[in-house]
């Protein structure tokens, strides 16, 4: 598998050749990849907070988002 630095120019060339409809799909794929990374990071952080007992100290009657 090529190194990321080697892939970047290749991907730019491929994107430049893509028809507009494919660019929309590629954009959705990129957004999904970012969402997956953020979700994994948050999930890991919540697991760590849960392990340390931090979530148990939240007031039960606190409204969400306050």
Protein backbone atom coordinates (compact mmCIF):
# COMPACT_ATOMS: atom_id res chain seq x y z
CA UNK A 1 0.00 0.00 0.00
CA UNK A 2 1.42 3.40 -0.93
CA UNK A 3 2.29 5.98 1.69
CA UNK A 4 -0.33 8.71 2.29
CA UNK A 5 2.03 11.36 0.90
CA UNK A 6 2.26 9.34 -2.34
CA UNK A 7 -1.51 8.87 -2.52
CA UNK A 8 -2.39 12.55 -2.21
CA UNK A 9 -1.32 13.60 -5.75
CA UNK A 10 -2.87 10.45 -7.21
CA UNK A 11 -6.17 11.17 -5.51
CA UNK A 12 -6.10 14.76 -6.72
CA UNK A 13 -5.67 13.53 -10.29
CA UNK A 14 -8.53 11.07 -9.90
CA UNK A 15 -10.81 13.73 -8.43
CA UNK A 16 -10.00 16.10 -11.29
CA UNK A 17 -11.12 13.45 -13.81
CA UNK A 18 -14.36 12.52 -12.03
CA UNK A 19 -17.75 13.52 -13.37
CA UNK A 20 -19.78 15.85 -11.11
CA UNK A 21 -22.15 13.08 -9.97
CA UNK A 22 -19.23 11.02 -8.71
CA UNK A 23 -17.85 14.03 -6.82
CA UNK A 24 -21.07 14.20 -4.82
CA UNK A 25 -20.67 10.54 -3.86
CA UNK A 26 -17.00 11.04 -3.00
CA UNK A 27 -17.90 14.00 -0.80
CA UNK A 28 -20.48 11.90 1.09
CA UNK A 29 -17.87 9.16 1.55
CA UNK A 30 -15.38 11.69 2.93
CA UNK A 31 -18.01 13.04 5.32
CA UNK A 32 -18.86 9.52 6.47
CA UNK A 33 -15.18 8.77 7.13
CA UNK A 34 -14.90 11.93 9.21
CA UNK A 35 -18.08 11.06 11.10
CA UNK A 36 -16.72 7.58 11.81
CA UNK A 37 -13.46 9.06 13.20
CA UNK A 38 -15.27 11.57 15.40
CA UNK A 39 -17.70 8.90 16.63
CA UNK A 40 -14.84 6.57 17.53
CA UNK A 41 -13.03 9.36 19.39
CA UNK A 42 -16.13 10.33 21.36
CA UNK A 43 -16.97 6.71 22.10
CA UNK A 44 -13.48 6.12 23.43
CA UNK A 45 -13.61 9.30 25.53
CA UNK A 46 -16.98 8.33 27.03
CA UNK A 47 -15.68 4.83 27.79
CA UNK A 48 -12.73 6.38 29.62
CA UNK A 49 -14.99 8.80 31.53
CA UNK A 50 -17.30 5.92 32.45
CA UNK A 51 -14.32 3.85 33.62
CA UNK A 52 -13.13 6.71 35.84
CA UNK A 53 -16.61 7.19 37.28
CA UNK A 54 -17.02 10.67 35.88
CA UNK A 55 -20.45 9.98 34.41
CA UNK A 56 -21.79 8.73 37.74
CA UNK A 57 -21.24 12.15 39.31
CA UNK A 58 -23.65 14.00 36.99
CA UNK A 59 -26.85 15.16 38.69
CA UNK A 60 -29.78 12.94 37.78
CA UNK A 61 -32.21 15.85 37.41
CA UNK A 62 -29.96 17.91 35.15
CA UNK A 63 -31.70 18.61 31.81
CA UNK A 64 -29.80 17.44 28.75
CA UNK A 65 -27.93 20.19 26.99
CA UNK A 66 -27.82 22.56 29.97
